[in-house]
C-alpha atoms as a PDB file:
ATOM      1  CA  MET A   1      11.763 -14.199   5.088  1.00  0.00           C
ATOM      2  CA  SER A   2       8.332 -13.796   6.690  1.00  0.00           C
ATOM      3  CA  VAL A   3       5.365 -15.095   4.706  1.00  0.00           C
ATOM      4  CA  ASP A   4       3.357 -12.171   6.056  1.00  0.00           C
ATOM      5  CA  VAL A   5       5.619  -9.733   4.215  1.00  0.00           C
ATOM      6  CA  LEU A   6       4.908 -11.477   0.909  1.00  0.00           C
ATOM      7  CA  VAL A   7       1.143 -11.759   1.513  1.00  0.00           C
ATOM      8  CA  LEU A   8       0.723  -8.167   2.684  1.00  0.00           C
ATOM      9  CA  GLY A   9       3.071  -6.858   0.008  1.00  0.00           C
ATOM     10  CA  LEU A  10       1.075  -8.552  -2.753  1.00  0.00           C
ATOM     11  CA  ALA A  11      -2.148  -7.176  -1.241  1.00  0.00           C
ATOM     12  CA  SER A  12      -0.662  -3.668  -1.506  1.00  0.00           C
ATOM     13  CA  VAL A  13       0.245  -3.745  -5.203  1.00  0.00           C
ATOM     14  CA  VAL A  14      -2.990  -2.485  -6.770  1.00  0.00           C
ATOM     15  CA  ARG A  15      -4.378   0.416  -4.753  1.00  0.00           C
ATOM     16  CA  PRO A  16      -7.066   2.598  -6.389  1.00  0.00           C
ATOM     17  CA  THR A  17      -5.644   5.876  -5.067  1.00  0.00           C
ATOM     18  CA  SER A  18      -2.144   5.098  -6.295  1.00  0.00           C
ATOM     19  CA  VAL A  19      -3.400   3.941  -9.695  1.00  0.00           C
ATOM     20  CA  ALA A  20      -5.448   7.131 -10.107  1.00  0.00           C
ATOM     21  CA  ALA A  21      -2.490   9.311  -9.103  1.00  0.00           C
ATOM     22  CA  VAL A  22      -0.160   7.587 -11.556  1.00  0.00           C
ATOM     23  CA  TYR A  23      -2.641   8.034 -14.392  1.00  0.00           C
ATOM     24  CA  ALA A  24      -3.012  11.736 -13.547  1.00  0.00           C
ATOM     25  CA  PHE A  25       0.761  12.156 -13.796  1.00  0.00           C
ATOM     26  CA  LEU A  26       0.964  10.243 -17.079  1.00  0.00           C
ATOM     27  CA  ALA A  27      -1.764  12.460 -18.535  1.00  0.00           C
ATOM     28  CA  ALA A  28       0.325  15.553 -17.809  1.00  0.00           C
ATOM     29  CA  ARG A  29       2.671  17.133 -20.329  1.00  0.00           C
ATOM     30  CA  SER A  30       5.856  16.009 -18.510  1.00  0.00           C
ATOM     31  CA  PRO A  31       5.142  12.847 -16.488  1.00  0.00           C
ATOM     32  CA  SER A  32       8.730  11.939 -15.543  1.00  0.00           C
ATOM     33  CA  PRO A  33       9.390  14.600 -12.866  1.00  0.00           C
ATOM     34  CA  LEU A  34       5.909  14.071 -11.421  1.00  0.00           C
ATOM     35  CA  LEU A  35       6.350  10.312 -11.152  1.00  0.00           C
ATOM     36  CA  LEU A  36       9.824  10.758  -9.713  1.00  0.00           C
ATOM     37  CA  ALA A  37       8.601  13.226  -7.067  1.00  0.00           C
ATOM     38  CA  TYR A  38       5.728  10.893  -6.186  1.00  0.00           C
ATOM     39  CA  LEU A  39       8.075   7.915  -5.815  1.00  0.00           C
ATOM     40  CA  LEU A  40      10.791   9.711  -3.869  1.00  0.00           C
ATOM     41  CA  ALA A  41       8.442  11.392  -1.396  1.00  0.00           C
ATOM     42  CA  GLY A  42       6.500   8.205  -0.747  1.00  0.00           C
ATOM     43  CA  LEU A  43       9.629   6.075  -0.415  1.00  0.00           C
ATOM     44  CA  VAL A  44      11.324   8.509   1.955  1.00  0.00           C
ATOM     45  CA  LEU A  45       8.357   8.291   4.322  1.00  0.00           C
ATOM     46  CA  SER A  46       7.769   4.567   3.996  1.00  0.00           C
ATOM     47  CA  LEU A  47      11.406   3.491   4.178  1.00  0.00           C
ATOM     48  CA  SER A  48      12.084   5.832   7.093  1.00  0.00           C
ATOM     49  CA  VAL A  49       9.361   4.147   9.133  1.00  0.00           C
ATOM     50  CA  GLY A  50      10.510   0.653   8.166  1.00  0.00           C
ATOM     51  CA  VAL A  51      14.227   1.308   8.706  1.00  0.00           C
ATOM     52  CA  ALA A  52      13.522   2.938  12.081  1.00  0.00           C
ATOM     53  CA  ALA A  53      11.484  -0.066  13.256  1.00  0.00           C
ATOM     54  CA  VAL A  54      14.163  -2.569  12.222  1.00  0.00           C
ATOM     55  CA  ALA A  55      17.010  -0.459  13.624  1.00  0.00           C
ATOM     56  CA  ILE A  56      15.329   0.051  17.015  1.00  0.00           C
ATOM     57  CA  VAL A  57      14.666  -3.665  17.430  1.00  0.00           C
ATOM     58  CA  HIS A  58      18.210  -4.477  16.292  1.00  0.00           C
ATOM     59  CA  VAL A  59      19.730  -2.130  18.879  1.00  0.00           C
ATOM     60  CA  THR A  60      17.435  -3.061  21.794  1.00  0.00           C
ATOM     61  CA  PRO A  61      15.849  -6.437  20.971  1.00  0.00           C
ATOM     62  CA  PRO A  62      12.958  -7.494  23.223  1.00  0.00           C
ATOM     63  CA  PRO A  63      12.846 -11.025  24.711  1.00  0.00           C
ATOM     64  CA  PRO A  64      11.769 -13.679  22.161  1.00  0.00           C
ATOM     65  CA  THR A  65       8.573 -14.558  24.053  1.00  0.00           C
ATOM     66  CA  VAL A  66       7.508 -10.911  24.173  1.00  0.00           C
ATOM     67  CA  THR A  67       8.249 -10.498  20.466  1.00  0.00           C
ATOM     68  CA  THR A  68       6.318 -13.604  19.445  1.00  0.00           C
ATOM     69  CA  THR A  69       3.290 -12.890  21.624  1.00  0.00           C
ATOM     70  CA  GLY A  70       3.249  -9.247  20.615  1.00  0.00           C
ATOM     71  CA  ARG A  71       3.332 -10.187  16.944  1.00  0.00           C
ATOM     72  CA  ASP A  72       0.415 -12.619  17.390  1.00  0.00           C
ATOM     73  CA  ILE A  73      -1.659  -9.999  19.204  1.00  0.00           C
ATOM     74  CA  ALA A  74      -0.742  -7.411  16.575  1.00  0.00           C
ATOM     75  CA  ASP A  75      -1.887  -9.808  13.833  1.00  0.00           C
ATOM     76  CA  VAL A  76      -5.279 -10.256  15.501  1.00  0.00           C
ATOM     77  CA  VAL A  77      -5.761  -6.537  16.148  1.00  0.00           C
ATOM     78  CA  LEU A  78      -4.707  -5.514  12.640  1.00  0.00           C
ATOM     79  CA  GLY A  79      -6.839  -8.292  11.150  1.00  0.00           C
ATOM     80  CA  VAL A  80      -9.892  -7.030  13.028  1.00  0.00           C
ATOM     81  CA  LEU A  81      -9.121  -3.492  11.837  1.00  0.00           C
ATOM     82  CA  ALA A  82      -8.885  -4.745   8.245  1.00  0.00           C
ATOM     83  CA  LEU A  83     -12.256  -6.508   8.537  1.00  0.00           C
ATOM     84  CA  GLY A  84     -13.723  -3.374  10.095  1.00  0.00           C
ATOM     85  CA  ALA A  85     -12.377  -1.283   7.223  1.00  0.00           C
ATOM     86  CA  ALA A  86     -13.918  -3.716   4.736  1.00  0.00           C
ATOM     87  CA  ALA A  87     -17.298  -3.502   6.477  1.00  0.00           C
ATOM     88  CA  TYR A  88     -17.157   0.291   6.730  1.00  0.00           C
ATOM     89  CA  TYR A  89     -16.141   0.764   3.097  1.00  0.00           C
ATOM     90  CA  GLY A  90     -18.643  -1.825   1.898  1.00  0.00           C
ATOM     91  CA  LEU A  91     -21.550  -0.226   3.736  1.00  0.00           C
ATOM     92  CA  ARG A  92     -20.687   3.443   3.201  1.00  0.00           C
ATOM     93  CA  THR A  93     -19.757   3.517  -0.484  1.00  0.00           C
ATOM     94  CA  PRO A  94     -22.117   3.161  -3.467  1.00  0.00           C
ATOM     95  CA  PRO A  95     -21.982  -0.017  -5.551  1.00  0.00           C
ATOM     96  CA  ASP A  96     -19.585  -0.327  -8.472  1.00  0.00           C
ATOM     97  CA  ARG A  97     -20.944   1.158 -11.692  1.00  0.00           C
ATOM     98  CA  PRO A  98     -19.580   1.976 -15.131  1.00  0.00           C
ATOM     99  CA  ALA A  99     -18.091   5.470 -15.322  1.00  0.00           C
ATOM    100  CA  GLU A 100     -20.982   6.855 -17.358  1.00  0.00           C
ATOM    101  CA  GLU A 101     -23.531   5.690 -14.753  1.00  0.00           C
ATOM    102  CA  ARG A 102     -21.801   7.114 -11.680  1.00  0.00           C
ATOM    103  CA  PRO A 103     -23.486  10.150 -10.078  1.00  0.00           C
ATOM    104  CA  ALA A 104     -21.477  13.358 -10.044  1.00  0.00           C
ATOM    105  CA  ARG A 105     -19.564  13.833  -6.797  1.00  0.00           C
ATOM    106  CA  ALA A 106     -17.423  16.667  -5.490  1.00  0.00           C
ATOM    107  CA  PRO A 107     -13.766  15.754  -6.048  1.00  0.00           C
ATOM    108  CA  SER A 108     -11.597  15.147  -2.992  1.00  0.00           C
ATOM    109  CA  ALA A 109      -8.781  17.532  -2.063  1.00  0.00           C
ATOM    110  CA  LEU A 110      -6.233  15.061  -3.403  1.00  0.00           C
ATOM    111  CA  ARG A 111      -8.085  14.663  -6.692  1.00  0.00           C
ATOM    112  CA  ARG A 112      -8.305  18.441  -7.098  1.00  0.00           C
ATOM    113  CA  ARG A 113      -4.543  18.674  -6.634  1.00  0.00           C
ATOM    114  CA  LEU A 114      -4.045  16.044  -9.319  1.00  0.00           C
ATOM    115  CA  ASN A 115      -6.202  17.812 -11.922  1.00  0.00           C
ATOM    116  CA  ALA A 116      -3.206  20.001 -12.783  1.00  0.00           C
ATOM    117  CA  PRO A 117      -0.349  18.256 -10.984  1.00  0.00           C
ATOM    118  CA  THR A 118       2.908  19.963 -10.107  1.00  0.00           C
ATOM    119  CA  VAL A 119       6.082  18.426  -8.718  1.00  0.00           C
ATOM    120  CA  ARG A 120       5.085  19.675  -5.267  1.00  0.00           C
ATOM    121  CA  SER A 121       1.555  18.247  -5.438  1.00  0.00           C
ATOM    122  CA  ALA A 122       2.982  14.968  -6.761  1.00  0.00           C
ATOM    123  CA  ALA A 123       5.280  14.774  -3.735  1.00  0.00           C
ATOM    124  CA  VAL A 124       2.352  15.530  -1.406  1.00  0.00           C
ATOM    125  CA  ALA A 125       0.346  12.774  -3.108  1.00  0.00           C
ATOM    126  CA  GLY A 126       3.268  10.379  -2.683  1.00  0.00           C
ATOM    127  CA  VAL A 127       3.174  10.937   1.065  1.00  0.00           C
ATOM    128  CA  ALA A 128      -0.628  11.008   1.347  1.00  0.00           C
ATOM    129  CA  THR A 129      -1.105   7.710  -0.502  1.00  0.00           C
ATOM    130  CA  HIS A 130       1.673   5.892   1.356  1.00  0.00           C
ATOM    131  CA  LEU A 131       0.995   6.647   4.986  1.00  0.00           C
ATOM    132  CA  PRO A 132       1.652   3.455   6.991  1.00  0.00           C
ATOM    133  CA  GLY A 133      -1.618   1.573   7.325  1.00  0.00           C
ATOM    134  CA  VAL A 134      -2.851  -1.855   8.389  1.00  0.00           C
ATOM    135  CA  PHE A 135      -0.885  -3.760   5.750  1.00  0.00           C
ATOM    136  CA  TYR A 136       2.440  -2.039   6.370  1.00  0.00           C
ATOM    137  CA  LEU A 137       2.104  -2.227  10.152  1.00  0.00           C
ATOM    138  CA  GLY A 138       1.307  -5.920   9.853  1.00  0.00           C
ATOM    139  CA  ALA A 139       4.376  -6.471   7.695  1.00  0.00           C
ATOM    140  CA  LEU A 140       6.592  -4.569  10.147  1.00  0.00           C
ATOM    141  CA  ALA A 141       5.214  -6.585  13.057  1.00  0.00           C
ATOM    142  CA  ALA A 142       6.062  -9.783  11.192  1.00  0.00           C
ATOM    143  CA  ILE A 143       9.577  -8.568  10.364  1.00  0.00           C
ATOM    144  CA  VAL A 144      10.282  -7.522  13.946  1.00  0.00           C
ATOM    145  CA  ALA A 145       8.875 -10.759  15.373  1.00  0.00           C
ATOM    146  CA  SER A 146      11.101 -12.883  13.118  1.00  0.00           C
ATOM    147  CA  ARG A 147      14.117 -11.235  14.807  1.00  0.00           C
ATOM    148  CA  PRO A 148      16.180 -10.918  11.618  1.00  0.00           C
ATOM    149  CA  GLY A 149      19.639  -9.447  11.438  1.00  0.00           C
ATOM    150  CA  LEU A 150      19.868  -5.804  10.469  1.00  0.00           C
ATOM    151  CA  VAL A 151      20.541  -6.575   6.810  1.00  0.00           C
ATOM    152  CA  GLY A 152      17.812  -9.220   6.643  1.00  0.00           C
ATOM    153  CA  GLY A 153      15.277  -6.890   8.216  1.00  0.00           C
ATOM    154  CA  LEU A 154      16.148  -4.050   5.869  1.00  0.00           C
ATOM    155  CA  LEU A 155      15.868  -6.380   2.870  1.00  0.00           C
ATOM    156  CA  GLN A 156      12.375  -7.407   3.962  1.00  0.00           C
ATOM    157  CA  VAL A 157      11.371  -3.762   4.382  1.00  0.00           C
ATOM    158  CA  GLY A 158      12.726  -3.108   0.900  1.00  0.00           C
ATOM    159  CA  LEU A 159      10.825  -6.082  -0.531  1.00  0.00           C
ATOM    160  CA  TYR A 160       7.524  -4.899   0.920  1.00  0.00           C
ATOM    161  CA  ASN A 161       8.080  -1.422  -0.491  1.00  0.00           C
ATOM    162  CA  LEU A 162       8.935  -2.900  -3.869  1.00  0.00           C
ATOM    163  CA  PHE A 163       5.444  -4.413  -3.947  1.00  0.00           C
ATOM    164  CA  TRP A 164       3.811  -1.286  -2.507  1.00  0.00           C
ATOM    165  CA  PHE A 165       5.367   0.990  -5.120  1.00  0.00           C
ATOM    166  CA  ALA A 166       5.156  -1.516  -7.986  1.00  0.00           C
ATOM    167  CA  ILE A 167       2.588   0.452 -10.021  1.00  0.00           C
ATOM    168  CA  PRO A 168       4.364   3.857  -9.978  1.00  0.00           C
ATOM    169  CA  LEU A 169       7.752   2.175 -10.482  1.00  0.00           C
ATOM    170  CA  ALA A 170       6.423   0.245 -13.472  1.00  0.00           C
ATOM    171  CA  ALA A 171       4.835   3.409 -14.858  1.00  0.00           C
ATOM    172  CA  PHE A 172       8.094   5.357 -14.520  1.00  0.00           C
ATOM    173  CA  VAL A 173      10.139   2.634 -16.241  1.00  0.00           C
ATOM    174  CA  SER A 174       7.516   2.130 -18.931  1.00  0.00           C
ATOM    175  CA  TRP A 175       7.275   5.863 -19.648  1.00  0.00           C
ATOM    176  CA  THR A 176      11.060   6.081 -19.889  1.00  0.00           C
ATOM    177  CA  TRP A 177      11.316   3.302 -22.464  1.00  0.00           C
ATOM    178  CA  HIS A 178       7.889   3.127 -24.134  1.00  0.00           C
ATOM    179  CA  PRO A 179       6.078   6.467 -23.737  1.00  0.00           C
ATOM    180  CA  GLU A 180       3.912   5.859 -26.798  1.00  0.00           C
ATOM    181  CA  THR A 181       2.067   2.936 -25.169  1.00  0.00           C
ATOM    182  CA  THR A 182       2.261   3.792 -21.478  1.00  0.00           C
ATOM    183  CA  ARG A 183      -0.613   6.272 -21.377  1.00  0.00           C
ATOM    184  CA  ASP A 184      -3.000   3.854 -23.084  1.00  0.00           C
ATOM    185  CA  SER A 185      -2.037   1.004 -20.746  1.00  0.00           C
ATOM    186  CA  ALA A 186      -2.453   3.251 -17.702  1.00  0.00           C
ATOM    187  CA  ALA A 187      -5.846   4.443 -18.944  1.00  0.00           C
ATOM    188  CA  ARG A 188      -7.092   0.870 -19.323  1.00  0.00           C
ATOM    189  CA  LEU A 189      -5.799  -0.131 -15.888  1.00  0.00           C
ATOM    190  CA  THR A 190      -7.293   2.945 -14.225  1.00  0.00           C
ATOM    191  CA  ALA A 191     -10.678   2.392 -15.868  1.00  0.00           C
ATOM    192  CA  ALA A 192     -10.710  -1.262 -14.814  1.00  0.00           C
ATOM    193  CA  VAL A 193      -9.734  -0.463 -11.220  1.00  0.00           C
ATOM    194  CA  GLN A 194     -12.188   2.430 -10.852  1.00  0.00           C
ATOM    195  CA  ALA A 195     -15.036   0.345 -12.300  1.00  0.00           C
ATOM    196  CA  ARG A 196     -14.424  -2.323  -9.632  1.00  0.00           C
ATOM    197  CA  LYS A 197     -13.050  -0.112  -6.884  1.00  0.00           C
ATOM    198  CA  LYS A 198     -15.482  -1.095  -4.135  1.00  0.00           C
ATOM    199  CA  THR A 199     -15.224  -4.807  -4.869  1.00  0.00           C
ATOM    200  CA  LEU A 200     -11.441  -4.653  -5.043  1.00  0.00           C
ATOM    201  CA  VAL A 201     -11.046  -2.774  -1.759  1.00  0.00           C
ATOM    202  CA  VAL A 202     -13.545  -4.913   0.156  1.00  0.00           C
ATOM    203  CA  VAL A 203     -12.200  -8.248  -1.115  1.00  0.00           C
ATOM    204  CA  VAL A 204      -8.579  -7.360  -0.399  1.00  0.00           C
ATOM    205  CA  PHE A 205      -9.344  -6.109   3.115  1.00  0.00           C
ATOM    206  CA  VAL A 206     -11.477  -9.171   3.893  1.00  0.00           C
ATOM    207  CA  LEU A 207      -8.829 -11.604   2.657  1.00  0.00           C
ATOM    208  CA  VAL A 208      -6.056  -9.849   4.566  1.00  0.00           C
ATOM    209  CA  GLY A 209      -8.223  -9.526   7.687  1.00  0.00           C
ATOM    210  CA  VAL A 210      -9.149 -13.214   7.686  1.00  0.00           C
ATOM    211  CA  TYR A 211      -5.513 -14.164   7.082  1.00  0.00           C
ATOM    212  CA  LEU A 212      -4.145 -12.015   9.923  1.00  0.00           C
ATOM    213  CA  VAL A 213      -6.822 -13.034  12.432  1.00  0.00           C
ATOM    214  CA  GLY A 214      -6.431 -16.693  11.495  1.00  0.00           C
ATOM    215  CA  VAL A 215      -2.641 -16.663  11.784  1.00  0.00           C
ATOM    216  CA  GLY A 216      -2.693 -14.646  15.010  1.00  0.00           C
ATOM    217  CA  VAL A 217      -5.306 -16.798  16.761  1.00  0.00           C
ATOM    218  CA  TYR A 218      -3.646 -20.044  15.642  1.00  0.00           C
ATOM    219  CA  ASP A 219      -0.237 -18.953  16.918  1.00  0.00           C
ATOM    220  CA  LEU A 220      -1.683 -17.723  20.223  1.00  0.00           C
ATOM    221  CA  LEU A 221      -3.424 -21.061  20.790  1.00  0.00           C
ATOM    222  CA  THR A 222      -0.482 -23.238  19.758  1.00  0.00           C
ATOM    223  CA  GLY A 223       2.412 -21.066  20.908  1.00  0.00           C
END
């Protein structure tokens, strides 16, 4: 089991866009089909990419030295991209403020779709909020570089996705068993995340960027 998969998976748990989407579905009259469509669409995309990467490497494995060096370079590149994303988001977005103090802004296309969500728009949101990004690509690079067996690689892909989809999965289970408290819990979580959205995004990207660059550079120098 690669440590990178655990680190990057944990960094993917709380994502403002996913939290906002889940709350929009829970606020609807019938949340279950919306949450299910969101989960299934997102998982189909994410698992397809992960399974394809593991299967390709399993069928035609590259030489160990190429795999190790490639993973180290990928760590450095993805780490730099994460730090760049943190800088861009930190400089381009307004500071965190309470909801009542935020200036009015035109809603994004995704947010407009979620104002009156349908099963189709929930599925679109599931795909849009789970496109493979820096964290997932870093996890896949780590899985491939560790040269696991097919089953081991697929289990690691599944573990990462379990972290990535933890919030909507928890919401779906909670709504199924405790609908009377789920909306209130989701409202509190959404308010807390949105109030600290900029800080959360920047801190997570910085921590992941420093981790990936540090690990990649260290392995390149000592490998």
